[in-house]
PDB file of N, CA and C in Angstrom:
ATOM      1  N   UNK A   1      -4.358  -6.608  -9.552  1.00  0.00           N
ATOM      2  CA  UNK A   1      -5.519  -8.097  -8.627  1.00  0.00           C
ATOM      3  C   UNK A   1      -4.211  -9.674  -8.320  1.00  0.00           C
ATOM      4  N   UNK A   2      -4.004  -9.548  -7.626  1.00  0.00           N
ATOM      5  CA  UNK A   2      -3.513 -11.070  -7.443  1.00  0.00           C
ATOM      6  C   UNK A   2      -4.352 -12.553  -7.359  1.00  0.00           C
ATOM      7  N   UNK A   3      -3.908 -13.099  -8.114  1.00  0.00           N
ATOM      8  CA  UNK A   3      -4.305 -14.902  -8.177  1.00  0.00           C
ATOM      9  C   UNK A   3      -4.347 -15.453  -7.852  1.00  0.00           C
ATOM     10  N   UNK A   4      -5.301 -16.156  -6.968  1.00  0.00           N
ATOM     11  CA  UNK A   4      -4.129 -17.386  -5.598  1.00  0.00           C
ATOM     12  C   UNK A   4      -4.693 -18.391  -7.024  1.00  0.00           C
ATOM     13  N   UNK A   5      -3.522 -19.606  -6.875  1.00  0.00           N
ATOM     14  CA  UNK A   5      -3.455 -20.524  -7.604  1.00  0.00           C
ATOM     15  C   UNK A   5      -3.254 -21.820  -6.600  1.00  0.00           C
ATOM     16  N   UNK A   6      -3.444 -21.400  -5.933  1.00  0.00           N
ATOM     17  CA  UNK A   6      -3.083 -22.634  -4.685  1.00  0.00           C
ATOM     18  C   UNK A   6      -4.387 -23.887  -4.973  1.00  0.00           C
ATOM     19  N   UNK A   7      -3.929 -24.887  -4.272  1.00  0.00           N
ATOM     20  CA  UNK A   7      -5.288 -25.851  -4.416  1.00  0.00           C
ATOM     21  C   UNK A   7      -5.752 -25.677  -3.551  1.00  0.00           C
ATOM     22  N   UNK A   8      -5.733 -25.630  -2.633  1.00  0.00           N
ATOM     23  CA  UNK A   8      -6.307 -25.197  -1.278  1.00  0.00           C
ATOM     24  C   UNK A   8      -7.025 -23.737  -0.998  1.00  0.00           C
ATOM     25  N   UNK A   9      -7.534 -23.571  -0.407  1.00  0.00           N
ATOM     26  CA  UNK A   9      -8.055 -22.137  -0.065  1.00  0.00           C
ATOM     27  C   UNK A   9      -7.216 -22.086   1.451  1.00  0.00           C
ATOM     28  N   UNK A  10      -6.568 -20.466   1.564  1.00  0.00           N
ATOM     29  CA  UNK A  10      -5.575 -20.145   2.298  1.00  0.00           C
ATOM     30  C   UNK A  10      -6.544 -19.137   3.028  1.00  0.00           C
ATOM     31  N   UNK A  11      -6.273 -19.283   4.509  1.00  0.00           N
ATOM     32  CA  UNK A  11      -6.709 -18.583   5.622  1.00  0.00           C
ATOM     33  C   UNK A  11      -6.008 -17.452   6.449  1.00  0.00           C
ATOM     34  N   UNK A  12      -6.170 -16.469   6.370  1.00  0.00           N
ATOM     35  CA  UNK A  12      -5.288 -14.984   6.987  1.00  0.00           C
ATOM     36  C   UNK A  12      -6.080 -15.740   7.903  1.00  0.00           C
ATOM     37  N   UNK A  13      -5.117 -15.900   9.363  1.00  0.00           N
ATOM     38  CA  UNK A  13      -5.195 -16.320  10.895  1.00  0.00           C
ATOM     39  C   UNK A  13      -5.664 -14.996  12.122  1.00  0.00           C
ATOM     40  N   UNK A  14      -6.630 -14.172  11.891  1.00  0.00           N
ATOM     41  CA  UNK A  14      -6.275 -12.592  12.365  1.00  0.00           C
ATOM     42  C   UNK A  14      -6.253 -13.137  13.785  1.00  0.00           C
ATOM     43  N   UNK A  15      -6.500 -14.168  14.672  1.00  0.00           N
ATOM     44  CA  UNK A  15      -6.341 -14.312  16.009  1.00  0.00           C
ATOM     45  C   UNK A  15      -4.868 -14.084  16.132  1.00  0.00           C
ATOM     46  N   UNK A  16      -4.427 -14.398  17.494  1.00  0.00           N
ATOM     47  CA  UNK A  16      -3.173 -15.056  17.888  1.00  0.00           C
ATOM     48  C   UNK A  16      -3.360 -16.562  17.981  1.00  0.00           C
ATOM     49  N   UNK A  17      -2.569 -17.664  17.312  1.00  0.00           N
ATOM     50  CA  UNK A  17      -2.725 -18.769  17.260  1.00  0.00           C
ATOM     51  C   UNK A  17      -0.797 -19.675  17.625  1.00  0.00           C
ATOM     52  N   UNK A  18      -0.902 -19.356  18.686  1.00  0.00           N
ATOM     53  CA  UNK A  18       0.117 -19.979  19.137  1.00  0.00           C
ATOM     54  C   UNK A  18       0.498 -21.554  18.766  1.00  0.00           C
ATOM     55  N   UNK A  19       1.840 -21.314  17.970  1.00  0.00           N
ATOM     56  CA  UNK A  19       2.105 -22.697  17.798  1.00  0.00           C
ATOM     57  C   UNK A  19       3.673 -23.341  18.360  1.00  0.00           C
ATOM     58  N   UNK A  20       3.603 -24.270  18.856  1.00  0.00           N
ATOM     59  CA  UNK A  20       4.786 -25.308  19.562  1.00  0.00           C
ATOM     60  C   UNK A  20       5.422 -25.942  19.068  1.00  0.00           C
ATOM     61  N   UNK A  21       6.699 -26.352  18.655  1.00  0.00           N
ATOM     62  CA  UNK A  21       7.468 -27.155  18.920  1.00  0.00           C
ATOM     63  C   UNK A  21       7.804 -28.986  19.794  1.00  0.00           C
ATOM     64  N   UNK A  22       6.782 -29.797  19.517  1.00  0.00           N
ATOM     65  CA  UNK A  22       5.995 -30.577  20.166  1.00  0.00           C
ATOM     66  C   UNK A  22       7.637 -31.466  21.154  1.00  0.00           C
ATOM     67  N   UNK A  23       8.712 -31.382  19.942  1.00  0.00           N
ATOM     68  CA  UNK A  23      10.005 -32.350  20.597  1.00  0.00           C
ATOM     69  C   UNK A  23      11.001 -31.890  22.056  1.00  0.00           C
ATOM     70  N   UNK A  24      10.361 -29.698  21.341  1.00  0.00           N
ATOM     71  CA  UNK A  24      10.978 -29.363  23.183  1.00  0.00           C
ATOM     72  C   UNK A  24       9.872 -28.479  23.493  1.00  0.00           C
ATOM     73  N   UNK A  25       8.765 -28.584  23.260  1.00  0.00           N
ATOM     74  CA  UNK A  25       7.506 -28.013  23.852  1.00  0.00           C
ATOM     75  C   UNK A  25       8.066 -26.186  23.856  1.00  0.00           C
ATOM     76  N   UNK A  26       8.295 -25.869  23.250  1.00  0.00           N
ATOM     77  CA  UNK A  26       8.889 -24.638  23.119  1.00  0.00           C
ATOM     78  C   UNK A  26       7.624 -23.854  22.020  1.00  0.00           C
ATOM     79  N   UNK A  27       7.582 -22.617  22.427  1.00  0.00           N
ATOM     80  CA  UNK A  27       6.247 -21.787  21.383  1.00  0.00           C
ATOM     81  C   UNK A  27       7.345 -21.309  20.094  1.00  0.00           C
ATOM     82  N   UNK A  28       7.300 -21.474  19.097  1.00  0.00           N
ATOM     83  CA  UNK A  28       8.294 -21.231  18.185  1.00  0.00           C
ATOM     84  C   UNK A  28       8.023 -19.905  17.427  1.00  0.00           C
ATOM     85  N   UNK A  29       6.232 -19.649  17.636  1.00  0.00           N
ATOM     86  CA  UNK A  29       5.864 -18.636  16.841  1.00  0.00           C
ATOM     87  C   UNK A  29       4.319 -18.736  16.565  1.00  0.00           C
ATOM     88  N   UNK A  30       3.868 -17.953  15.754  1.00  0.00           N
ATOM     89  CA  UNK A  30       2.003 -17.891  15.464  1.00  0.00           C
ATOM     90  C   UNK A  30       1.624 -18.086  13.932  1.00  0.00           C
ATOM     91  N   UNK A  31       0.843 -18.926  14.387  1.00  0.00           N
ATOM     92  CA  UNK A  31      -0.199 -19.075  12.356  1.00  0.00           C
ATOM     93  C   UNK A  31      -0.476 -17.384  11.444  1.00  0.00           C
ATOM     94  N   UNK A  32       0.286 -17.724  10.217  1.00  0.00           N
ATOM     95  CA  UNK A  32       0.250 -16.240   9.795  1.00  0.00           C
ATOM     96  C   UNK A  32      -0.913 -16.283   9.004  1.00  0.00           C
ATOM     97  N   UNK A  33      -0.531 -17.617   8.102  1.00  0.00           N
ATOM     98  CA  UNK A  33      -1.904 -17.954   7.512  1.00  0.00           C
ATOM     99  C   UNK A  33      -1.782 -19.617   7.210  1.00  0.00           C
ATOM    100  N   UNK A  34      -3.151 -20.326   6.997  1.00  0.00           N
ATOM    101  CA  UNK A  34      -3.222 -21.548   7.006  1.00  0.00           C
ATOM    102  C   UNK A  34      -3.777 -22.600   5.973  1.00  0.00           C
ATOM    103  N   UNK A  35      -3.879 -23.420   5.362  1.00  0.00           N
ATOM    104  CA  UNK A  35      -4.579 -24.169   4.811  1.00  0.00           C
ATOM    105  C   UNK A  35      -4.397 -25.643   4.959  1.00  0.00           C
ATOM    106  N   UNK A  36      -5.079 -26.355   4.344  1.00  0.00           N
ATOM    107  CA  UNK A  36      -5.289 -28.153   4.749  1.00  0.00           C
ATOM    108  C   UNK A  36      -4.063 -28.688   4.456  1.00  0.00           C
ATOM    109  N   UNK A  37      -3.340 -28.083   3.321  1.00  0.00           N
ATOM    110  CA  UNK A  37      -1.812 -28.877   2.880  1.00  0.00           C
ATOM    111  C   UNK A  37      -0.292 -28.428   3.834  1.00  0.00           C
ATOM    112  N   UNK A  38      -0.585 -26.930   3.990  1.00  0.00           N
ATOM    113  CA  UNK A  38       0.381 -26.045   4.757  1.00  0.00           C
ATOM    114  C   UNK A  38       0.111 -24.894   5.332  1.00  0.00           C
ATOM    115  N   UNK A  39       1.157 -24.357   5.522  1.00  0.00           N
ATOM    116  CA  UNK A  39       0.813 -23.084   7.183  1.00  0.00           C
ATOM    117  C   UNK A  39       2.148 -22.111   6.743  1.00  0.00           C
ATOM    118  N   UNK A  40       1.740 -21.136   6.980  1.00  0.00           N
ATOM    119  CA  UNK A  40       2.444 -19.726   6.963  1.00  0.00           C
ATOM    120  C   UNK A  40       2.864 -19.380   8.694  1.00  0.00           C
ATOM    121  N   UNK A  41       4.205 -19.386   9.518  1.00  0.00           N
ATOM    122  CA  UNK A  41       4.645 -18.986  10.295  1.00  0.00           C
ATOM    123  C   UNK A  41       4.986 -18.074  10.487  1.00  0.00           C
ATOM    124  N   UNK A  42       4.445 -16.967  11.844  1.00  0.00           N
ATOM    125  CA  UNK A  42       5.476 -15.941  11.909  1.00  0.00           C
ATOM    126  C   UNK A  42       6.380 -16.507  13.185  1.00  0.00           C
ATOM    127  N   UNK A  43       7.373 -16.561  12.901  1.00  0.00           N
ATOM    128  CA  UNK A  43       8.378 -17.083  13.893  1.00  0.00           C
ATOM    129  C   UNK A  43       9.096 -16.281  14.841  1.00  0.00           C
ATOM    130  N   UNK A  44       9.695 -16.686  15.971  1.00  0.00           N
ATOM    131  CA  UNK A  44      10.199 -15.790  16.630  1.00  0.00           C
ATOM    132  C   UNK A  44      11.621 -16.798  17.139  1.00  0.00           C
ATOM    133  N   UNK A  45      12.012 -17.903  17.036  1.00  0.00           N
ATOM    134  CA  UNK A  45      13.061 -18.841  16.922  1.00  0.00           C
ATOM    135  C   UNK A  45      13.639 -19.034  15.613  1.00  0.00           C
ATOM    136  N   UNK A  46      15.177 -18.991  15.421  1.00  0.00           N
ATOM    137  CA  UNK A  46      15.472 -20.018  14.026  1.00  0.00           C
ATOM    138  C   UNK A  46      15.583 -21.184  13.629  1.00  0.00           C
ATOM    139  N   UNK A  47      15.207 -21.404  13.006  1.00  0.00           N
ATOM    140  CA  UNK A  47      14.707 -22.793  12.242  1.00  0.00           C
ATOM    141  C   UNK A  47      15.380 -22.551  11.229  1.00  0.00           C
ATOM    142  N   UNK A  48      15.223 -24.383  10.895  1.00  0.00           N
ATOM    143  CA  UNK A  48      16.145 -24.944   9.681  1.00  0.00           C
ATOM    144  C   UNK A  48      15.861 -25.075   8.570  1.00  0.00           C
ATOM    145  N   UNK A  49      16.225 -24.652   7.503  1.00  0.00           N
ATOM    146  CA  UNK A  49      15.373 -24.944   5.967  1.00  0.00           C
ATOM    147  C   UNK A  49      15.623 -26.496   5.749  1.00  0.00           C
ATOM    148  N   UNK A  50      14.247 -26.859   5.203  1.00  0.00           N
ATOM    149  CA  UNK A  50      14.572 -28.258   4.526  1.00  0.00           C
ATOM    150  C   UNK A  50      14.243 -29.271   5.560  1.00  0.00           C
ATOM    151  N   UNK A  51      14.070 -28.823   7.125  1.00  0.00           N
ATOM    152  CA  UNK A  51      14.173 -29.670   7.991  1.00  0.00           C
ATOM    153  C   UNK A  51      12.517 -29.811   7.895  1.00  0.00           C
ATOM    154  N   UNK A  52      12.517 -31.118   9.191  1.00  0.00           N
ATOM    155  CA  UNK A  52      11.075 -31.702   9.416  1.00  0.00           C
ATOM    156  C   UNK A  52      10.775 -30.978  10.919  1.00  0.00           C
ATOM    157  N   UNK A  53       9.924 -31.441  11.502  1.00  0.00           N
ATOM    158  CA  UNK A  53       9.305 -30.981  12.526  1.00  0.00           C
ATOM    159  C   UNK A  53       7.833 -30.982  12.799  1.00  0.00           C
ATOM    160  N   UNK A  54       7.790 -31.569  14.176  1.00  0.00           N
ATOM    161  CA  UNK A  54       6.934 -31.943  14.797  1.00  0.00           C
ATOM    162  C   UNK A  54       6.340 -30.515  15.553  1.00  0.00           C
ATOM    163  N   UNK A  55       4.954 -30.432  14.763  1.00  0.00           N
ATOM    164  CA  UNK A  55       4.613 -28.945  15.823  1.00  0.00           C
ATOM    165  C   UNK A  55       3.129 -29.073  16.000  1.00  0.00           C
ATOM    166  N   UNK A  56       2.850 -28.006  16.758  1.00  0.00           N
ATOM    167  CA  UNK A  56       1.147 -28.223  17.479  1.00  0.00           C
ATOM    168  C   UNK A  56       0.872 -26.446  17.833  1.00  0.00           C
ATOM    169  N   UNK A  57      -0.988 -26.650  17.427  1.00  0.00           N
ATOM    170  CA  UNK A  57      -1.372 -25.517  17.594  1.00  0.00           C
ATOM    171  C   UNK A  57      -2.850 -26.109  17.709  1.00  0.00           C
ATOM    172  N   UNK A  58      -3.858 -25.580  19.000  1.00  0.00           N
ATOM    173  CA  UNK A  58      -5.017 -25.186  18.846  1.00  0.00           C
ATOM    174  C   UNK A  58      -5.873 -23.986  18.681  1.00  0.00           C
ATOM    175  N   UNK A  59      -6.718 -25.008  17.370  1.00  0.00           N
ATOM    176  CA  UNK A  59      -7.797 -23.969  16.901  1.00  0.00           C
ATOM    177  C   UNK A  59      -9.623 -24.238  17.419  1.00  0.00           C
ATOM    178  N   UNK A  60     -10.061 -23.716  17.671  1.00  0.00           N
ATOM    179  CA  UNK A  60     -11.458 -23.489  17.790  1.00  0.00           C
ATOM    180  C   UNK A  60     -12.547 -24.490  17.331  1.00  0.00           C
ATOM    181  N   UNK A  61     -13.331 -25.505  18.248  1.00  0.00           N
ATOM    182  CA  UNK A  61     -13.399 -26.572  18.247  1.00  0.00           C
ATOM    183  C   UNK A  61     -14.828 -26.594  17.712  1.00  0.00           C
ATOM    184  N   UNK A  62     -15.602 -25.432  17.894  1.00  0.00           N
ATOM    185  CA  UNK A  62     -16.941 -24.937  17.432  1.00  0.00           C
ATOM    186  C   UNK A  62     -17.957 -24.927  18.187  1.00  0.00           C
ATOM    187  N   UNK A  63     -17.491 -25.497  19.565  1.00  0.00           N
ATOM    188  CA  UNK A  63     -18.285 -25.792  20.432  1.00  0.00           C
ATOM    189  C   UNK A  63     -17.685 -25.112  21.692  1.00  0.00           C
ATOM    190  N   UNK A  64     -17.002 -23.782  21.842  1.00  0.00           N
ATOM    191  CA  UNK A  64     -16.967 -22.797  22.878  1.00  0.00           C
ATOM    192  C   UNK A  64     -15.371 -23.421  23.582  1.00  0.00           C
ATOM    193  N   UNK A  65     -14.388 -25.204  22.903  1.00  0.00           N
ATOM    194  CA  UNK A  65     -13.225 -25.739  23.537  1.00  0.00           C
ATOM    195  C   UNK A  65     -12.663 -25.517  22.536  1.00  0.00           C
ATOM    196  N   UNK A  66     -11.271 -25.921  22.636  1.00  0.00           N
ATOM    197  CA  UNK A  66     -10.354 -25.898  21.948  1.00  0.00           C
ATOM    198  C   UNK A  66      -9.752 -27.358  20.930  1.00  0.00           C
ATOM    199  N   UNK A  67      -9.427 -27.665  19.849  1.00  0.00           N
ATOM    200  CA  UNK A  67      -8.588 -28.916  19.361  1.00  0.00           C
ATOM    201  C   UNK A  67      -7.424 -28.731  19.131  1.00  0.00           C
ATOM    202  N   UNK A  68      -6.889 -29.740  19.727  1.00  0.00           N
ATOM    203  CA  UNK A  68      -5.561 -29.760  19.288  1.00  0.00           C
ATOM    204  C   UNK A  68      -5.040 -30.323  18.038  1.00  0.00           C
ATOM    205  N   UNK A  69      -3.865 -29.472  17.325  1.00  0.00           N
ATOM    206  CA  UNK A  69      -3.608 -29.962  16.071  1.00  0.00           C
ATOM    207  C   UNK A  69      -2.432 -30.690  16.072  1.00  0.00           C
ATOM    208  N   UNK A  70      -2.501 -31.612  15.903  1.00  0.00           N
ATOM    209  CA  UNK A  70      -0.423 -32.220  15.838  1.00  0.00           C
ATOM    210  C   UNK A  70      -0.289 -32.591  14.570  1.00  0.00           C
ATOM    211  N   UNK A  71       0.779 -31.775  13.835  1.00  0.00           N
ATOM    212  CA  UNK A  71       1.245 -32.120  12.378  1.00  0.00           C
ATOM    213  C   UNK A  71       2.614 -32.003  11.931  1.00  0.00           C
ATOM    214  N   UNK A  72       3.369 -32.953  11.420  1.00  0.00           N
ATOM    215  CA  UNK A  72       4.746 -33.510  11.114  1.00  0.00           C
ATOM    216  C   UNK A  72       4.316 -32.549   9.941  1.00  0.00           C
ATOM    217  N   UNK A  73       5.773 -31.775   9.492  1.00  0.00           N
ATOM    218  CA  UNK A  73       5.754 -30.662   8.775  1.00  0.00           C
ATOM    219  C   UNK A  73       7.350 -30.685   8.219  1.00  0.00           C
ATOM    220  N   UNK A  74       7.437 -29.941   6.883  1.00  0.00           N
ATOM    221  CA  UNK A  74       8.514 -30.173   5.696  1.00  0.00           C
ATOM    222  C   UNK A  74       8.723 -28.435   5.907  1.00  0.00           C
ATOM    223  N   UNK A  75       9.635 -28.139   6.343  1.00  0.00           N
ATOM    224  CA  UNK A  75       9.816 -26.634   6.029  1.00  0.00           C
ATOM    225  C   UNK A  75      10.463 -26.203   4.653  1.00  0.00           C
ATOM    226  N   UNK A  76       9.882 -25.204   4.407  1.00  0.00           N
ATOM    227  CA  UNK A  76      10.424 -25.460   3.016  1.00  0.00           C
ATOM    228  C   UNK A  76      11.236 -23.791   2.503  1.00  0.00           C
ATOM    229  N   UNK A  77      11.014 -22.687   3.544  1.00  0.00           N
ATOM    230  CA  UNK A  77      11.643 -21.765   3.116  1.00  0.00           C
ATOM    231  C   UNK A  77      11.547 -20.986   4.731  1.00  0.00           C
ATOM    232  N   UNK A  78      12.266 -20.149   4.591  1.00  0.00           N
ATOM    233  CA  UNK A  78      12.025 -19.302   5.594  1.00  0.00           C
ATOM    234  C   UNK A  78      12.709 -17.424   5.601  1.00  0.00           C
ATOM    235  N   UNK A  79      12.279 -16.486   6.117  1.00  0.00           N
ATOM    236  CA  UNK A  79      12.866 -15.433   5.878  1.00  0.00           C
ATOM    237  C   UNK A  79      13.256 -14.037   6.538  1.00  0.00           C
ATOM    238  N   UNK A  80      13.300 -13.581   6.783  1.00  0.00           N
ATOM    239  CA  UNK A  80      13.439 -12.500   7.913  1.00  0.00           C
ATOM    240  C   UNK A  80      11.844 -11.235   7.790  1.00  0.00           C
ATOM    241  N   UNK A  81      12.105 -11.180   8.058  1.00  0.00           N
ATOM    242  CA  UNK A  81      10.739  -9.817   8.551  1.00  0.00           C
ATOM    243  C   UNK A  81      11.531  -8.833   8.821  1.00  0.00           C
ATOM    244  N   UNK A  82      10.365  -7.701   8.840  1.00  0.00           N
ATOM    245  CA  UNK A  82      11.247  -6.623   8.966  1.00  0.00           C
ATOM    246  C   UNK A  82      11.379  -6.361  10.662  1.00  0.00           C
ATOM    247  N   UNK A  83      10.465  -6.753  11.524  1.00  0.00           N
ATOM    248  CA  UNK A  83      10.840  -6.860  12.885  1.00  0.00           C
ATOM    249  C   UNK A  83      11.830  -7.740  13.249  1.00  0.00           C
ATOM    250  N   UNK A  84      12.730  -7.015  13.883  1.00  0.00           N
ATOM    251  CA  UNK A  84      14.013  -7.554  14.664  1.00  0.00           C
ATOM    252  C   UNK A  84      13.506  -9.224  15.369  1.00  0.00           C
ATOM    253  N   UNK A  85      14.349 -10.135  14.855  1.00  0.00           N
ATOM    254  CA  UNK A  85      14.215 -11.770  15.792  1.00  0.00           C
ATOM    255  C   UNK A  85      13.060 -12.354  14.802  1.00  0.00           C
ATOM    256  N   UNK A  86      12.532 -12.156  14.095  1.00  0.00           N
ATOM    257  CA  UNK A  86      11.153 -12.241  13.478  1.00  0.00           C
ATOM    258  C   UNK A  86      11.721 -13.089  11.934  1.00  0.00           C
ATOM    259  N   UNK A  87      10.935 -14.256  11.683  1.00  0.00           N
ATOM    260  CA  UNK A  87      10.482 -14.406  10.354  1.00  0.00           C
ATOM    261  C   UNK A  87       9.656 -15.064  10.021  1.00  0.00           C
ATOM    262  N   UNK A  88       9.470 -15.208   8.478  1.00  0.00           N
ATOM    263  CA  UNK A  88       8.204 -15.614   7.760  1.00  0.00           C
ATOM    264  C   UNK A  88       8.794 -16.694   7.441  1.00  0.00           C
ATOM    265  N   UNK A  89       8.266 -18.335   8.238  1.00  0.00           N
ATOM    266  CA  UNK A  89       8.586 -19.972   7.478  1.00  0.00           C
ATOM    267  C   UNK A  89       7.093 -20.479   7.016  1.00  0.00           C
ATOM    268  N   UNK A  90       7.707 -20.963   5.705  1.00  0.00           N
ATOM    269  CA  UNK A  90       6.642 -21.444   5.183  1.00  0.00           C
ATOM    270  C   UNK A  90       6.517 -22.785   5.288  1.00  0.00           C
ATOM    271  N   UNK A  91       5.909 -23.629   5.616  1.00  0.00           N
ATOM    272  CA  UNK A  91       5.420 -25.436   5.688  1.00  0.00           C
ATOM    273  C   UNK A  91       4.756 -26.203   4.883  1.00  0.00           C
ATOM    274  N   UNK A  92       5.409 -27.139   4.759  1.00  0.00           N
ATOM    275  CA  UNK A  92       4.170 -27.943   4.038  1.00  0.00           C
ATOM    276  C   UNK A  92       3.946 -29.244   4.978  1.00  0.00           C
ATOM    277  N   UNK A  93       2.510 -29.410   5.257  1.00  0.00           N
ATOM    278  CA  UNK A  93       2.018 -30.941   6.007  1.00  0.00           C
ATOM    279  C   UNK A  93       2.862 -32.105   5.735  1.00  0.00           C
ATOM    280  N   UNK A  94       2.734 -33.010   6.165  1.00  0.00           N
ATOM    281  CA  UNK A  94       3.290 -34.346   5.644  1.00  0.00           C
ATOM    282  C   UNK A  94       2.214 -35.120   6.700  1.00  0.00           C
ATOM    283  N   UNK A  95       2.206 -35.140   7.730  1.00  0.00           N
ATOM    284  CA  UNK A  95       1.300 -36.230   8.320  1.00  0.00           C
ATOM    285  C   UNK A  95       0.027 -34.903   9.148  1.00  0.00           C
ATOM    286  N   UNK A  96      -0.977 -35.369   9.089  1.00  0.00           N
ATOM    287  CA  UNK A  96      -1.961 -34.913   9.572  1.00  0.00           C
ATOM    288  C   UNK A  96      -2.876 -35.956   9.833  1.00  0.00           C
ATOM    289  N   UNK A  97      -3.271 -35.909  11.184  1.00  0.00           N
ATOM    290  CA  UNK A  97      -4.710 -37.329  11.556  1.00  0.00           C
ATOM    291  C   UNK A  97      -5.941 -36.478  11.015  1.00  0.00           C
ATOM    292  N   UNK A  98      -6.600 -37.668   9.917  1.00  0.00           N
ATOM    293  CA  UNK A  98      -7.187 -37.421   9.158  1.00  0.00           C
ATOM    294  C   UNK A  98      -8.664 -36.955  10.347  1.00  0.00           C
ATOM    295  N   UNK A  99      -8.853 -36.855  11.345  1.00  0.00           N
ATOM    296  CA  UNK A  99     -10.196 -36.175  11.855  1.00  0.00           C
ATOM    297  C   UNK A  99      -9.352 -34.811  12.445  1.00  0.00           C
ATOM    298  N   UNK A 100      -8.226 -34.804  12.350  1.00  0.00           N
ATOM    299  CA  UNK A 100      -7.778 -33.216  12.820  1.00  0.00           C
ATOM    300  C   UNK A 100      -7.979 -32.647  11.605  1.00  0.00           C
ATOM    301  N   UNK A 101      -7.431 -33.412  10.331  1.00  0.00           N
ATOM    302  CA  UNK A 101      -7.595 -32.216   9.252  1.00  0.00           C
ATOM    303  C   UNK A 101      -9.171 -32.450   8.626  1.00  0.00           C
ATOM    304  N   UNK A 102     -10.256 -32.810   9.081  1.00  0.00           N
ATOM    305  CA  UNK A 102     -11.228 -32.481   8.669  1.00  0.00           C
ATOM    306  C   UNK A 102     -11.890 -30.806   9.750  1.00  0.00           C
ATOM    307  N   UNK A 103     -11.409 -31.081  10.543  1.00  0.00           N
ATOM    308  CA  UNK A 103     -11.544 -30.257  11.617  1.00  0.00           C
ATOM    309  C   UNK A 103     -11.116 -28.794  10.711  1.00  0.00           C
ATOM    310  N   UNK A 104      -9.610 -29.505  10.830  1.00  0.00           N
ATOM    311  CA  UNK A 104      -9.023 -27.716  10.172  1.00  0.00           C
ATOM    312  C   UNK A 104      -9.931 -27.607   8.977  1.00  0.00           C
ATOM    313  N   UNK A 105     -10.289 -28.325   7.680  1.00  0.00           N
ATOM    314  CA  UNK A 105     -10.700 -27.827   6.944  1.00  0.00           C
ATOM    315  C   UNK A 105     -12.041 -26.908   7.203  1.00  0.00           C
ATOM    316  N   UNK A 106     -12.571 -27.595   8.672  1.00  0.00           N
ATOM    317  CA  UNK A 106     -13.981 -26.638   8.482  1.00  0.00           C
ATOM    318  C   UNK A 106     -14.039 -25.629   8.392  1.00  0.00           C
ATOM    319  N   UNK A 107     -12.893 -25.455  10.440  1.00  0.00           N
ATOM    320  CA  UNK A 107     -12.142 -24.550  10.455  1.00  0.00           C
ATOM    321  C   UNK A 107     -11.714 -23.245   9.371  1.00  0.00           C
ATOM    322  N   UNK A 108     -11.038 -23.448   9.236  1.00  0.00           N
ATOM    323  CA  UNK A 108     -10.952 -22.706   7.583  1.00  0.00           C
ATOM    324  C   UNK A 108     -12.135 -22.345   6.734  1.00  0.00           C
ATOM    325  N   UNK A 109     -12.911 -23.272   6.629  1.00  0.00           N
ATOM    326  CA  UNK A 109     -13.679 -22.833   5.671  1.00  0.00           C
ATOM    327  C   UNK A 109     -15.129 -21.551   6.184  1.00  0.00           C
ATOM    328  N   UNK A 110     -15.361 -22.046   7.842  1.00  0.00           N
ATOM    329  CA  UNK A 110     -15.965 -21.515   8.223  1.00  0.00           C
ATOM    330  C   UNK A 110     -15.206 -19.937   8.127  1.00  0.00           C
ATOM    331  N   UNK A 111     -14.350 -19.456   8.230  1.00  0.00           N
ATOM    332  CA  UNK A 111     -13.786 -18.479   8.505  1.00  0.00           C
ATOM    333  C   UNK A 111     -13.471 -17.736   7.032  1.00  0.00           C
ATOM    334  N   UNK A 112     -13.387 -18.094   5.607  1.00  0.00           N
ATOM    335  CA  UNK A 112     -13.095 -17.927   4.620  1.00  0.00           C
ATOM    336  C   UNK A 112     -14.350 -16.601   4.145  1.00  0.00           C
ATOM    337  N   UNK A 113     -14.206 -15.700   3.549  1.00  0.00           N
ATOM    338  CA  UNK A 113     -14.863 -14.809   2.838  1.00  0.00           C
ATOM    339  C   UNK A 113     -15.914 -15.368   2.029  1.00  0.00           C
ATOM    340  N   UNK A 114     -16.990 -15.504   1.780  1.00  0.00           N
ATOM    341  CA  UNK A 114     -17.556 -15.909   0.365  1.00  0.00           C
ATOM    342  C   UNK A 114     -17.318 -15.943  -0.370  1.00  0.00           C
ATOM    343  N   UNK A 115     -17.193 -16.473  -1.524  1.00  0.00           N
ATOM    344  CA  UNK A 115     -16.823 -16.767  -2.849  1.00  0.00           C
ATOM    345  C   UNK A 115     -17.609 -15.717  -3.854  1.00  0.00           C
TER     346      UNK A 115
END
C-alpha cells in the first residue's frame, strides 16, 4: 500500500472537467486529480515546464449550477502519457481567490471517500 504524505487530500476527478488557458481561451486539458494546493492535468497541448499559467475550470456549486475557478499556477513537471499527444502535468497553485478556495475545498471534501 502506498501512503499519501501530502498535506492536502487529493481527489481523483472521475468526471470530465475541462481546463482552459485564460490568456488564449484554448482548452489545454482536463483535471486528473486536484487538492486545495495543486492539480494534475491530462494535457492535450505542449506546455513549458517551470512556467506560470492562468487557468480556469468549472466545478459544481452544490445548487445545480457551476462555479468558475480562476487560478494562477506554476507548472512543476510534465511527462508524456502512453496515449499519443497527451501529457501529465503537475501544477502548484499560486493565486486562488479565498471564496473560490473555500468552494474548491468543499467540493473536494464532498467527493473524498470516508477516512
